[in-house]
Amino acid sequence: MSTDPNCVFCKIAAGQIPANKVHEDDELLVFHDIHPWAPVHVLVIPKRHVASLAEVGPEHEALLGRMMALAPRLMRDLGVTNGFRVVVNTGPDGGQEVYHLHMHVMGGPRPWARG
């Protein structure tokens, strides 16, 4: 599995940095965002290092599908019943702050802090 020793999300996936985990399997880790924009705000990350959505190719299709398919189940499990938002910030102009592919899944009553 590809990892980056300087990547904070790789360190979280490896258990070197603690996180409030919601879900974990062989390929994905989901944890609460430390600076939430919404009442429920989790990050879905692949355990293998992919720097951004701009770097994915056909070999990542199954992984991306698993990430998207997991979002509705996570929101139901976390009590979100009236809709949610999925965001993938990509690159500097797209607002990406951590260069490890991650998907924000946000829900809960509005108004939200951002978004």
PDB file of N, CA and C in Angstrom:
ATOM      1  N   MET A   1       0.848  -1.183   0.000  1.00  0.00           N
ATOM      2  CA  MET A   1       0.000   0.000   0.000  1.00  0.00           C
ATOM      3  C   MET A   1       0.889   1.242   0.000  1.00  0.00           C
ATOM      4  N   SER A   2       0.565   2.187  -0.844  1.00  0.00           N
ATOM      5  CA  SER A   2       1.328   3.413  -0.987  1.00  0.00           C
ATOM      6  C   SER A   2       0.998   4.389   0.141  1.00  0.00           C
ATOM      7  N   THR A   3       2.030   4.889   0.798  1.00  0.00           N
ATOM      8  CA  THR A   3       1.848   5.900   1.839  1.00  0.00           C
ATOM      9  C   THR A   3       2.899   6.992   1.664  1.00  0.00           C
ATOM     10  N   ASP A   4       2.642   8.137   2.258  1.00  0.00           N
ATOM     11  CA  ASP A   4       3.586   9.250   2.268  1.00  0.00           C
ATOM     12  C   ASP A   4       3.931   9.512   3.730  1.00  0.00           C
ATOM     13  N   PRO A   5       5.173   9.339   4.130  1.00  0.00           N
ATOM     14  CA  PRO A   5       5.531   9.497   5.547  1.00  0.00           C
ATOM     15  C   PRO A   5       5.333  10.910   6.081  1.00  0.00           C
ATOM     16  N   ASN A   6       5.165  11.898   5.208  1.00  0.00           N
ATOM     17  CA  ASN A   6       4.954  13.276   5.642  1.00  0.00           C
ATOM     18  C   ASN A   6       3.482  13.698   5.614  1.00  0.00           C
ATOM     19  N   CYS A   7       2.607  12.792   5.214  1.00  0.00           N
ATOM     20  CA  CYS A   7       1.187  13.121   5.049  1.00  0.00           C
ATOM     21  C   CYS A   7       0.423  12.870   6.350  1.00  0.00           C
ATOM     22  N   VAL A   8      -0.302  13.894   6.821  1.00  0.00           N
ATOM     23  CA  VAL A   8      -1.044  13.771   8.077  1.00  0.00           C
ATOM     24  C   VAL A   8      -2.136  12.703   7.966  1.00  0.00           C
ATOM     25  N   PHE A   9      -2.801  12.586   6.814  1.00  0.00           N
ATOM     26  CA  PHE A   9      -3.854  11.578   6.683  1.00  0.00           C
ATOM     27  C   PHE A   9      -3.278  10.175   6.596  1.00  0.00           C
ATOM     28  N   CYS A  10      -2.096  10.005   6.015  1.00  0.00           N
ATOM     29  CA  CYS A  10      -1.433   8.698   6.035  1.00  0.00           C
ATOM     30  C   CYS A  10      -1.090   8.310   7.479  1.00  0.00           C
ATOM     31  N   LYS A  11      -0.660   9.287   8.267  1.00  0.00           N
ATOM     32  CA  LYS A  11      -0.345   9.033   9.672  1.00  0.00           C
ATOM     33  C   LYS A  11      -1.602   8.677  10.462  1.00  0.00           C
ATOM     34  N   ILE A  12      -2.724   9.332  10.163  1.00  0.00           N
ATOM     35  CA  ILE A  12      -3.989   8.981  10.815  1.00  0.00           C
ATOM     36  C   ILE A  12      -4.390   7.563  10.426  1.00  0.00           C
ATOM     37  N   ALA A  13      -4.292   7.241   9.140  1.00  0.00           N
ATOM     38  CA  ALA A  13      -4.653   5.894   8.664  1.00  0.00           C
ATOM     39  C   ALA A  13      -3.781   4.818   9.290  1.00  0.00           C
ATOM     40  N   ALA A  14      -2.525   5.151   9.569  1.00  0.00           N
ATOM     41  CA  ALA A  14      -1.594   4.197  10.175  1.00  0.00           C
ATOM     42  C   ALA A  14      -1.736   4.119  11.693  1.00  0.00           C
ATOM     43  N   GLY A  15      -2.581   4.978  12.276  1.00  0.00           N
ATOM     44  CA  GLY A  15      -2.758   4.970  13.722  1.00  0.00           C
ATOM     45  C   GLY A  15      -1.710   5.758  14.474  1.00  0.00           C
ATOM     46  N   GLN A  16      -0.879   6.522  13.773  1.00  0.00           N
ATOM     47  CA  GLN A  16       0.171   7.317  14.419  1.00  0.00           C
ATOM     48  C   GLN A  16      -0.370   8.613  15.006  1.00  0.00           C
ATOM     49  N   ILE A  17      -1.494   9.091  14.480  1.00  0.00           N
ATOM     50  CA  ILE A  17      -2.168  10.286  14.983  1.00  0.00           C
ATOM     51  C   ILE A  17      -3.599   9.868  15.298  1.00  0.00           C
ATOM     52  N   PRO A  18      -4.107  10.202  16.483  1.00  0.00           N
ATOM     53  CA  PRO A  18      -5.470   9.783  16.821  1.00  0.00           C
ATOM     54  C   PRO A  18      -6.528  10.536  16.024  1.00  0.00           C
ATOM     55  N   ALA A  19      -7.657   9.870  15.827  1.00  0.00           N
ATOM     56  CA  ALA A  19      -8.806  10.479  15.161  1.00  0.00           C
ATOM     57  C   ALA A  19     -10.069   9.869  15.741  1.00  0.00           C
ATOM     58  N   ASN A  20     -11.154  10.607  15.693  1.00  0.00           N
ATOM     59  CA  ASN A  20     -12.452  10.124  16.149  1.00  0.00           C
ATOM     60  C   ASN A  20     -13.084   9.341  14.992  1.00  0.00           C
ATOM     61  N   LYS A  21     -12.789   8.047  14.939  1.00  0.00           N
ATOM     62  CA  LYS A  21     -13.178   7.205  13.809  1.00  0.00           C
ATOM     63  C   LYS A  21     -14.660   6.877  13.823  1.00  0.00           C
ATOM     64  N   VAL A  22     -15.221   6.833  12.612  1.00  0.00           N
ATOM     65  CA  VAL A  22     -16.618   6.483  12.396  1.00  0.00           C
ATOM     66  C   VAL A  22     -16.714   5.121  11.700  1.00  0.00           C
ATOM     67  N   HIS A  23     -15.767   4.849  10.815  1.00  0.00           N
ATOM     68  CA  HIS A  23     -15.777   3.622  10.019  1.00  0.00           C
ATOM     69  C   HIS A  23     -14.342   3.318   9.604  1.00  0.00           C
ATOM     70  N   GLU A  24     -14.044   2.016   9.530  1.00  0.00           N
ATOM     71  CA  GLU A  24     -12.743   1.599   9.015  1.00  0.00           C
ATOM     72  C   GLU A  24     -12.890   0.223   8.395  1.00  0.00           C
ATOM     73  N   ASP A  25     -12.284   0.062   7.223  1.00  0.00           N
ATOM     74  CA  ASP A  25     -12.190  -1.250   6.592  1.00  0.00           C
ATOM     75  C   ASP A  25     -10.802  -1.363   5.963  1.00  0.00           C
ATOM     76  N   ASP A  26     -10.598  -2.338   5.111  1.00  0.00           N
ATOM     77  CA  ASP A  26      -9.266  -2.546   4.538  1.00  0.00           C
ATOM     78  C   ASP A  26      -8.789  -1.398   3.661  1.00  0.00           C
ATOM     79  N   GLU A  27      -9.723  -0.679   3.020  1.00  0.00           N
ATOM     80  CA  GLU A  27      -9.351   0.370   2.072  1.00  0.00           C
ATOM     81  C   GLU A  27      -9.634   1.791   2.527  1.00  0.00           C
ATOM     82  N   LEU A  28     -10.627   1.956   3.395  1.00  0.00           N
ATOM     83  CA  LEU A  28     -11.089   3.298   3.743  1.00  0.00           C
ATOM     84  C   LEU A  28     -11.087   3.544   5.245  1.00  0.00           C
ATOM     85  N   LEU A  29     -10.917   4.807   5.594  1.00  0.00           N
ATOM     86  CA  LEU A  29     -11.045   5.258   6.968  1.00  0.00           C
ATOM     87  C   LEU A  29     -11.946   6.489   6.950  1.00  0.00           C
ATOM     88  N   VAL A  30     -12.865   6.558   7.908  1.00  0.00           N
ATOM     89  CA  VAL A  30     -13.753   7.709   8.036  1.00  0.00           C
ATOM     90  C   VAL A  30     -13.639   8.220   9.457  1.00  0.00           C
ATOM     91  N   PHE A  31     -13.464   9.543   9.590  1.00  0.00           N
ATOM     92  CA  PHE A  31     -13.347  10.140  10.911  1.00  0.00           C
ATOM     93  C   PHE A  31     -13.955  11.533  10.902  1.00  0.00           C
ATOM     94  N   HIS A  32     -14.295  12.034  12.097  1.00  0.00           N
ATOM     95  CA  HIS A  32     -14.874  13.366  12.226  1.00  0.00           C
ATOM     96  C   HIS A  32     -13.826  14.431  11.920  1.00  0.00           C
ATOM     97  N   ASP A  33     -14.249  15.451  11.185  1.00  0.00           N
ATOM     98  CA  ASP A  33     -13.381  16.583  10.870  1.00  0.00           C
ATOM     99  C   ASP A  33     -13.113  17.369  12.160  1.00  0.00           C
ATOM    100  N   ILE A  34     -11.868  17.802  12.362  1.00  0.00           N
ATOM    101  CA  ILE A  34     -11.544  18.543  13.591  1.00  0.00           C
ATOM    102  C   ILE A  34     -12.017  19.997  13.544  1.00  0.00           C
ATOM    103  N   HIS A  35     -12.362  20.486  12.338  1.00  0.00           N
ATOM    104  CA  HIS A  35     -12.912  21.833  12.177  1.00  0.00           C
ATOM    105  C   HIS A  35     -14.208  21.727  11.366  1.00  0.00           C
ATOM    106  N   PRO A  36     -15.271  21.198  11.974  1.00  0.00           N
ATOM    107  CA  PRO A  36     -16.488  20.921  11.203  1.00  0.00           C
ATOM    108  C   PRO A  36     -17.188  22.178  10.697  1.00  0.00           C
ATOM    109  N   TRP A  37     -17.740  22.063   9.495  1.00  0.00           N
ATOM    110  CA  TRP A  37     -18.537  23.131   8.893  1.00  0.00           C
ATOM    111  C   TRP A  37     -20.020  22.908   9.146  1.00  0.00           C
ATOM    112  N   ALA A  38     -20.394  21.705   9.550  1.00  0.00           N
ATOM    113  CA  ALA A  38     -21.795  21.327   9.721  1.00  0.00           C
ATOM    114  C   ALA A  38     -21.927  20.516  11.005  1.00  0.00           C
ATOM    115  N   PRO A  39     -23.147  20.333  11.514  1.00  0.00           N
ATOM    116  CA  PRO A  39     -23.328  19.537  12.726  1.00  0.00           C
ATOM    117  C   PRO A  39     -22.733  18.129  12.627  1.00  0.00           C
ATOM    118  N   VAL A  40     -22.814  17.521  11.450  1.00  0.00           N
ATOM    119  CA  VAL A  40     -22.155  16.239  11.185  1.00  0.00           C
ATOM    120  C   VAL A  40     -21.208  16.475  10.022  1.00  0.00           C
ATOM    121  N   HIS A  41     -19.917  16.255  10.221  1.00  0.00           N
ATOM    122  CA  HIS A  41     -18.914  16.505   9.189  1.00  0.00           C
ATOM    123  C   HIS A  41     -17.817  15.459   9.342  1.00  0.00           C
ATOM    124  N   VAL A  42     -17.803  14.511   8.419  1.00  0.00           N
ATOM    125  CA  VAL A  42     -16.789  13.463   8.445  1.00  0.00           C
ATOM    126  C   VAL A  42     -15.950  13.520   7.179  1.00  0.00           C
ATOM    127  N   LEU A  43     -14.760  12.953   7.273  1.00  0.00           N
ATOM    128  CA  LEU A  43     -13.861  12.831   6.134  1.00  0.00           C
ATOM    129  C   LEU A  43     -13.730  11.356   5.787  1.00  0.00           C
ATOM    130  N   VAL A  44     -13.854  11.060   4.509  1.00  0.00           N
ATOM    131  CA  VAL A  44     -13.653   9.704   4.003  1.00  0.00           C
ATOM    132  C   VAL A  44     -12.333   9.726   3.252  1.00  0.00           C
ATOM    133  N   ILE A  45     -11.375   8.898   3.691  1.00  0.00           N
ATOM    134  CA  ILE A  45     -10.063   8.861   3.032  1.00  0.00           C
ATOM    135  C   ILE A  45      -9.717   7.432   2.642  1.00  0.00           C
ATOM    136  N   PRO A  46      -9.010   7.287   1.517  1.00  0.00           N
ATOM    137  CA  PRO A  46      -8.447   5.976   1.223  1.00  0.00           C
ATOM    138  C   PRO A  46      -7.213   5.775   2.105  1.00  0.00           C
ATOM    139  N   LYS A  47      -6.965   4.556   2.493  1.00  0.00           N
ATOM    140  CA  LYS A  47      -5.778   4.295   3.307  1.00  0.00           C
ATOM    141  C   LYS A  47      -4.495   4.413   2.487  1.00  0.00           C
ATOM    142  N   ARG A  48      -4.593   4.127   1.196  1.00  0.00           N
ATOM    143  CA  ARG A  48      -3.412   4.316   0.349  1.00  0.00           C
ATOM    144  C   ARG A  48      -3.343   5.777  -0.066  1.00  0.00           C
ATOM    145  N   HIS A  49      -2.134   6.266  -0.229  1.00  0.00           N
ATOM    146  CA  HIS A  49      -1.939   7.679  -0.532  1.00  0.00           C
ATOM    147  C   HIS A  49      -2.207   7.969  -2.001  1.00  0.00           C
ATOM    148  N   VAL A  50      -3.158   8.852  -2.229  1.00  0.00           N
ATOM    149  CA  VAL A  50      -3.412   9.471  -3.527  1.00  0.00           C
ATOM    150  C   VAL A  50      -3.482  10.953  -3.208  1.00  0.00           C
ATOM    151  N   ALA A  51      -2.650  11.757  -3.839  1.00  0.00           N
ATOM    152  CA  ALA A  51      -2.522  13.158  -3.436  1.00  0.00           C
ATOM    153  C   ALA A  51      -3.795  13.975  -3.651  1.00  0.00           C
ATOM    154  N   SER A  52      -4.502  13.774  -4.757  1.00  0.00           N
ATOM    155  CA  SER A  52      -5.707  14.558  -5.008  1.00  0.00           C
ATOM    156  C   SER A  52      -6.559  13.883  -6.070  1.00  0.00           C
ATOM    157  N   LEU A  53      -7.769  14.371  -6.224  1.00  0.00           N
ATOM    158  CA  LEU A  53      -8.667  13.852  -7.248  1.00  0.00           C
ATOM    159  C   LEU A  53      -8.077  14.058  -8.637  1.00  0.00           C
ATOM    160  N   ALA A  54      -7.250  15.087  -8.804  1.00  0.00           N
ATOM    161  CA  ALA A  54      -6.621  15.352 -10.097  1.00  0.00           C
ATOM    162  C   ALA A  54      -5.671  14.232 -10.522  1.00  0.00           C
ATOM    163  N   GLU A  55      -5.257  13.395  -9.586  1.00  0.00           N
ATOM    164  CA  GLU A  55      -4.298  12.334  -9.886  1.00  0.00           C
ATOM    165  C   GLU A  55      -4.926  10.954 -10.041  1.00  0.00           C
ATOM    166  N   VAL A  56      -6.246  10.851  -9.961  1.00  0.00           N
ATOM    167  CA  VAL A  56      -6.859   9.539 -10.091  1.00  0.00           C
ATOM    168  C   VAL A  56      -6.984   9.139 -11.553  1.00  0.00           C
ATOM    169  N   GLY A  57      -7.019   7.839 -11.770  1.00  0.00           N
ATOM    170  CA  GLY A  57      -7.179   7.293 -13.109  1.00  0.00           C
ATOM    171  C   GLY A  57      -8.128   6.119 -13.066  1.00  0.00           C
ATOM    172  N   PRO A  58      -8.230   5.386 -14.164  1.00  0.00           N
ATOM    173  CA  PRO A  58      -9.137   4.238 -14.222  1.00  0.00           C
ATOM    174  C   PRO A  58      -8.898   3.215 -13.112  1.00  0.00           C
ATOM    175  N   GLU A  59      -7.685   3.110 -12.645  1.00  0.00           N
ATOM    176  CA  GLU A  59      -7.360   2.156 -11.585  1.00  0.00           C
ATOM    177  C   GLU A  59      -7.981   2.531 -10.241  1.00  0.00           C
ATOM    178  N   HIS A  60      -8.487   3.743 -10.126  1.00  0.00           N
ATOM    179  CA  HIS A  60      -9.104   4.216  -8.882  1.00  0.00           C
ATOM    180  C   HIS A  60     -10.632   4.185  -8.908  1.00  0.00           C
ATOM    181  N   GLU A  61     -11.222   3.758 -10.020  1.00  0.00           N
ATOM    182  CA  GLU A  61     -12.678   3.807 -10.149  1.00  0.00           C
ATOM    183  C   GLU A  61     -13.401   3.056  -9.034  1.00  0.00           C
ATOM    184  N   ALA A  62     -12.963   1.865  -8.712  1.00  0.00           N
ATOM    185  CA  ALA A  62     -13.629   1.081  -7.664  1.00  0.00           C
ATOM    186  C   ALA A  62     -13.498   1.775  -6.304  1.00  0.00           C
ATOM    187  N   LEU A  63     -12.342   2.316  -6.032  1.00  0.00           N
ATOM    188  CA  LEU A  63     -12.117   3.026  -4.765  1.00  0.00           C
ATOM    189  C   LEU A  63     -13.041   4.241  -4.650  1.00  0.00           C
ATOM    190  N   LEU A  64     -13.124   5.035  -5.705  1.00  0.00           N
ATOM    191  CA  LEU A  64     -13.993   6.209  -5.688  1.00  0.00           C
ATOM    192  C   LEU A  64     -15.452   5.806  -5.543  1.00  0.00           C
ATOM    193  N   GLY A  65     -15.838   4.730  -6.202  1.00  0.00           N
ATOM    194  CA  GLY A  65     -17.204   4.234  -6.064  1.00  0.00           C
ATOM    195  C   GLY A  65     -17.509   3.797  -4.644  1.00  0.00           C
ATOM    196  N   ARG A  66     -16.575   3.134  -3.997  1.00  0.00           N
ATOM    197  CA  ARG A  66     -16.762   2.716  -2.600  1.00  0.00           C
ATOM    198  C   ARG A  66     -16.905   3.932  -1.690  1.00  0.00           C
ATOM    199  N   MET A  67     -16.094   4.970  -1.932  1.00  0.00           N
ATOM    200  CA  MET A  67     -16.173   6.182  -1.120  1.00  0.00           C
ATOM    201  C   MET A  67     -17.552   6.820  -1.255  1.00  0.00           C
ATOM    202  N   MET A  68     -18.042   6.957  -2.475  1.00  0.00           N
ATOM    203  CA  MET A  68     -19.357   7.578  -2.703  1.00  0.00           C
ATOM    204  C   MET A  68     -20.486   6.718  -2.144  1.00  0.00           C
ATOM    205  N   ALA A  69     -20.398   5.417  -2.331  1.00  0.00           N
ATOM    206  CA  ALA A  69     -21.471   4.523  -1.872  1.00  0.00           C
ATOM    207  C   ALA A  69     -21.544   4.454  -0.351  1.00  0.00           C
ATOM    208  N   LEU A  70     -20.438   4.730   0.318  1.00  0.00           N
ATOM    209  CA  LEU A  70     -20.416   4.698   1.771  1.00  0.00           C
ATOM    210  C   LEU A  70     -21.103   5.920   2.384  1.00  0.00           C
ATOM    211  N   ALA A  71     -21.106   7.052   1.684  1.00  0.00           N
ATOM    212  CA  ALA A  71     -21.628   8.309   2.235  1.00  0.00           C
ATOM    213  C   ALA A  71     -23.068   8.206   2.745  1.00  0.00           C
ATOM    214  N   PRO A  72     -24.031   7.671   1.988  1.00  0.00           N
ATOM    215  CA  PRO A  72     -25.399   7.623   2.510  1.00  0.00           C
ATOM    216  C   PRO A  72     -25.531   6.773   3.771  1.00  0.00           C
ATOM    217  N   ARG A  73     -24.815   5.660   3.813  1.00  0.00           N
ATOM    218  CA  ARG A  73     -24.873   4.802   5.005  1.00  0.00           C
ATOM    219  C   ARG A  73     -24.300   5.524   6.218  1.00  0.00           C
ATOM    220  N   LEU A  74     -23.188   6.225   6.035  1.00  0.00           N
ATOM    221  CA  LEU A  74     -22.588   6.982   7.139  1.00  0.00           C
ATOM    222  C   LEU A  74     -23.559   8.014   7.682  1.00  0.00           C
ATOM    223  N   MET A  75     -24.191   8.752   6.781  1.00  0.00           N
ATOM    224  CA  MET A  75     -25.108   9.802   7.220  1.00  0.00           C
ATOM    225  C   MET A  75     -26.313   9.207   7.956  1.00  0.00           C
ATOM    226  N   ARG A  76     -26.859   8.109   7.451  1.00  0.00           N
ATOM    227  CA  ARG A  76     -27.966   7.449   8.171  1.00  0.00           C
ATOM    228  C   ARG A  76     -27.516   7.013   9.561  1.00  0.00           C
ATOM    229  N   ASP A  77     -26.331   6.379   9.625  1.00  0.00           N
ATOM    230  CA  ASP A  77     -25.813   5.897  10.909  1.00  0.00           C
ATOM    231  C   ASP A  77     -25.561   7.039  11.892  1.00  0.00           C
ATOM    232  N   LEU A  78     -25.244   8.221  11.367  1.00  0.00           N
ATOM    233  CA  LEU A  78     -24.954   9.382  12.209  1.00  0.00           C
ATOM    234  C   LEU A  78     -26.192  10.250  12.456  1.00  0.00           C
ATOM    235  N   GLY A  79     -27.359   9.774  12.008  1.00  0.00           N
ATOM    236  CA  GLY A  79     -28.611  10.450  12.313  1.00  0.00           C
ATOM    237  C   GLY A  79     -29.011  11.566  11.367  1.00  0.00           C
ATOM    238  N   VAL A  80     -28.339  11.684  10.239  1.00  0.00           N
ATOM    239  CA  VAL A  80     -28.691  12.710   9.262  1.00  0.00           C
ATOM    240  C   VAL A  80     -29.819  12.168   8.390  1.00  0.00           C
ATOM    241  N   THR A  81     -30.960  12.848   8.419  1.00  0.00           N
ATOM    242  CA  THR A  81     -32.149  12.325   7.740  1.00  0.00           C
ATOM    243  C   THR A  81     -32.722  13.260   6.682  1.00  0.00           C
ATOM    244  N   ASN A  82     -32.207  14.490   6.587  1.00  0.00           N
ATOM    245  CA  ASN A  82     -32.826  15.465   5.693  1.00  0.00           C
ATOM    246  C   ASN A  82     -31.871  15.941   4.600  1.00  0.00           C
ATOM    247  N   GLY A  83     -30.917  15.097   4.221  1.00  0.00           N
ATOM    248  CA  GLY A  83     -29.977  15.448   3.162  1.00  0.00           C
ATOM    249  C   GLY A  83     -28.579  15.738   3.677  1.00  0.00           C
ATOM    250  N   PHE A  84     -27.645  15.672   2.767  1.00  0.00           N
ATOM    251  CA  PHE A  84     -26.242  15.913   3.105  1.00  0.00           C
ATOM    252  C   PHE A  84     -25.509  16.409   1.872  1.00  0.00           C
ATOM    253  N   ARG A  85     -24.287  16.883   2.095  1.00  0.00           N
ATOM    254  CA  ARG A  85     -23.445  17.405   1.021  1.00  0.00           C
ATOM    255  C   ARG A  85     -22.153  16.604   0.980  1.00  0.00           C
ATOM    256  N   VAL A  86     -21.666  16.360  -0.249  1.00  0.00           N
ATOM    257  CA  VAL A  86     -20.394  15.682  -0.471  1.00  0.00           C
ATOM    258  C   VAL A  86     -19.491  16.646  -1.235  1.00  0.00           C
ATOM    259  N   VAL A  87     -18.280  16.878  -0.731  1.00  0.00           N
ATOM    260  CA  VAL A  87     -17.359  17.827  -1.351  1.00  0.00           C
ATOM    261  C   VAL A  87     -15.973  17.196  -1.435  1.00  0.00           C
ATOM    262  N   VAL A  88     -15.327  17.341  -2.595  1.00  0.00           N
ATOM    263  CA  VAL A  88     -13.929  16.944  -2.760  1.00  0.00           C
ATOM    264  C   VAL A  88     -13.184  18.170  -3.268  1.00  0.00           C
ATOM    265  N   ASN A  89     -12.427  18.809  -2.399  1.00  0.00           N
ATOM    266  CA  ASN A  89     -11.611  19.957  -2.789  1.00  0.00           C
ATOM    267  C   ASN A  89     -10.375  19.421  -3.513  1.00  0.00           C
ATOM    268  N   THR A  90     -10.052  20.034  -4.654  1.00  0.00           N
ATOM    269  CA  THR A  90      -8.963  19.521  -5.480  1.00  0.00           C
ATOM    270  C   THR A  90      -8.019  20.637  -5.881  1.00  0.00           C
ATOM    271  N   GLY A  91      -6.766  20.529  -5.446  1.00  0.00           N
ATOM    272  CA  GLY A  91      -5.742  21.503  -5.804  1.00  0.00           C
ATOM    273  C   GLY A  91      -5.886  22.818  -5.072  1.00  0.00           C
ATOM    274  N   PRO A  92      -4.904  23.691  -5.237  1.00  0.00           N
ATOM    275  CA  PRO A  92      -4.902  24.953  -4.506  1.00  0.00           C
ATOM    276  C   PRO A  92      -6.107  25.844  -4.825  1.00  0.00           C
ATOM    277  N   ASP A  93      -6.492  25.939  -6.083  1.00  0.00           N
ATOM    278  CA  ASP A  93      -7.638  26.778  -6.434  1.00  0.00           C
ATOM    279  C   ASP A  93      -8.957  26.133  -6.030  1.00  0.00           C
ATOM    280  N   GLY A  94      -8.948  24.832  -5.797  1.00  0.00           N
ATOM    281  CA  GLY A  94     -10.141  24.131  -5.339  1.00  0.00           C
ATOM    282  C   GLY A  94     -10.266  24.091  -3.831  1.00  0.00           C
ATOM    283  N   GLY A  95      -9.325  24.700  -3.122  1.00  0.00           N
ATOM    284  CA  GLY A  95      -9.394  24.780  -1.667  1.00  0.00           C
ATOM    285  C   GLY A  95      -8.826  23.576  -0.931  1.00  0.00           C
ATOM    286  N   GLN A  96      -8.076  22.718  -1.626  1.00  0.00           N
ATOM    287  CA  GLN A  96      -7.511  21.550  -0.954  1.00  0.00           C
ATOM    288  C   GLN A  96      -6.403  21.992  -0.001  1.00  0.00           C
ATOM    289  N   GLU A  97      -6.501  21.548   1.253  1.00  0.00           N
ATOM    290  CA  GLU A  97      -5.508  21.907   2.264  1.00  0.00           C
ATOM    291  C   GLU A  97      -4.585  20.751   2.610  1.00  0.00           C
ATOM    292  N   VAL A  98      -5.118  19.530   2.609  1.00  0.00           N
ATOM    293  CA  VAL A  98      -4.310  18.339   2.887  1.00  0.00           C
ATOM    294  C   VAL A  98      -4.216  17.559   1.582  1.00  0.00           C
ATOM    295  N   TYR A  99      -2.993  17.315   1.121  1.00  0.00           N
ATOM    296  CA  TYR A  99      -2.796  16.651  -0.165  1.00  0.00           C
ATOM    297  C   TYR A  99      -2.777  15.134  -0.018  1.00  0.00           C
ATOM    298  N   HIS A 100      -3.949  14.645   0.350  1.00  0.00           N
ATOM    299  CA  HIS A 100      -4.293  13.220   0.390  1.00  0.00           C
ATOM    300  C   HIS A 100      -5.774  13.229   0.024  1.00  0.00           C
ATOM    301  N   LEU A 101      -6.144  12.508  -1.009  1.00  0.00           N
ATOM    302  CA  LEU A 101      -7.529  12.488  -1.457  1.00  0.00           C
ATOM    303  C   LEU A 101      -8.458  12.279  -0.267  1.00  0.00           C
ATOM    304  N   HIS A 102      -9.463  13.137  -0.143  1.00  0.00           N
ATOM    305  CA  HIS A 102     -10.451  12.979   0.918  1.00  0.00           C
ATOM    306  C   HIS A 102     -11.765  13.603   0.494  1.00  0.00           C
ATOM    307  N   MET A 103     -12.827  13.038   1.012  1.00  0.00           N
ATOM    308  CA  MET A 103     -14.172  13.470   0.689  1.00  0.00           C
ATOM    309  C   MET A 103     -14.834  13.953   1.971  1.00  0.00           C
ATOM    310  N   HIS A 104     -15.305  15.198   1.961  1.00  0.00           N
ATOM    311  CA  HIS A 104     -16.067  15.741   3.077  1.00  0.00           C
ATOM    312  C   HIS A 104     -17.513  15.300   2.898  1.00  0.00           C
ATOM    313  N   VAL A 105     -18.115  14.754   3.947  1.00  0.00           N
ATOM    314  CA  VAL A 105     -19.534  14.418   3.933  1.00  0.00           C
ATOM    315  C   VAL A 105     -20.153  15.161   5.111  1.00  0.00           C
ATOM    316  N   MET A 106     -21.084  16.085   4.782  1.00  0.00           N
ATOM    317  CA  MET A 106     -21.617  16.995   5.789  1.00  0.00           C
ATOM    318  C   MET A 106     -23.137  16.973   5.783  1.00  0.00           C
ATOM    319  N   GLY A 107     -23.719  17.034   6.971  1.00  0.00           N
ATOM    320  CA  GLY A 107     -25.166  17.067   7.079  1.00  0.00           C
ATOM    321  C   GLY A 107     -25.606  17.603   8.421  1.00  0.00           C
ATOM    322  N   GLY A 108     -26.901  17.621   8.610  1.00  0.00           N
ATOM    323  CA  GLY A 108     -27.474  18.121   9.850  1.00  0.00           C
ATOM    324  C   GLY A 108     -28.236  19.400   9.602  1.00  0.00           C
ATOM    325  N   PRO A 109     -28.943  19.861  10.614  1.00  0.00           N
ATOM    326  CA  PRO A 109     -29.780  21.051  10.463  1.00  0.00           C
ATOM    327  C   PRO A 109     -28.975  22.274  10.042  1.00  0.00           C
ATOM    328  N   ARG A 110     -29.566  23.067   9.188  1.00  0.00           N
ATOM    329  CA  ARG A 110     -28.950  24.332   8.773  1.00  0.00           C
ATOM    330  C   ARG A 110     -29.365  25.435   9.736  1.00  0.00           C
ATOM    331  N   PRO A 111     -28.684  26.567   9.817  1.00  0.00           N
ATOM    332  CA  PRO A 111     -27.566  26.950   8.970  1.00  0.00           C
ATOM    333  C   PRO A 111     -26.265  26.308   9.439  1.00  0.00           C
ATOM    334  N   TRP A 112     -25.379  26.096   8.482  1.00  0.00           N
ATOM    335  CA  TRP A 112     -24.062  25.549   8.784  1.00  0.00           C
ATOM    336  C   TRP A 112     -23.062  26.680   8.928  1.00  0.00           C
ATOM    337  N   ALA A 113     -21.915  26.366   9.527  1.00  0.00           N
ATOM    338  CA  ALA A 113     -20.872  27.362   9.704  1.00  0.00           C
ATOM    339  C   ALA A 113     -20.347  27.849   8.350  1.00  0.00           C
ATOM    340  N   ARG A 114     -20.259  26.933   7.381  1.00  0.00           N
ATOM    341  CA  ARG A 114     -19.763  27.258   6.048  1.00  0.00           C
ATOM    342  C   ARG A 114     -20.515  26.394   5.051  1.00  0.00           C
ATOM    343  N   GLY A 115     -20.394  26.743   3.781  1.00  0.00           N
ATOM    344  CA  GLY A 115     -20.955  25.899   2.725  1.00  0.00           C
ATOM    345  C   GLY A 115     -22.398  26.153   2.508  1.00  0.00           C
TER     346      GLY A 115
END
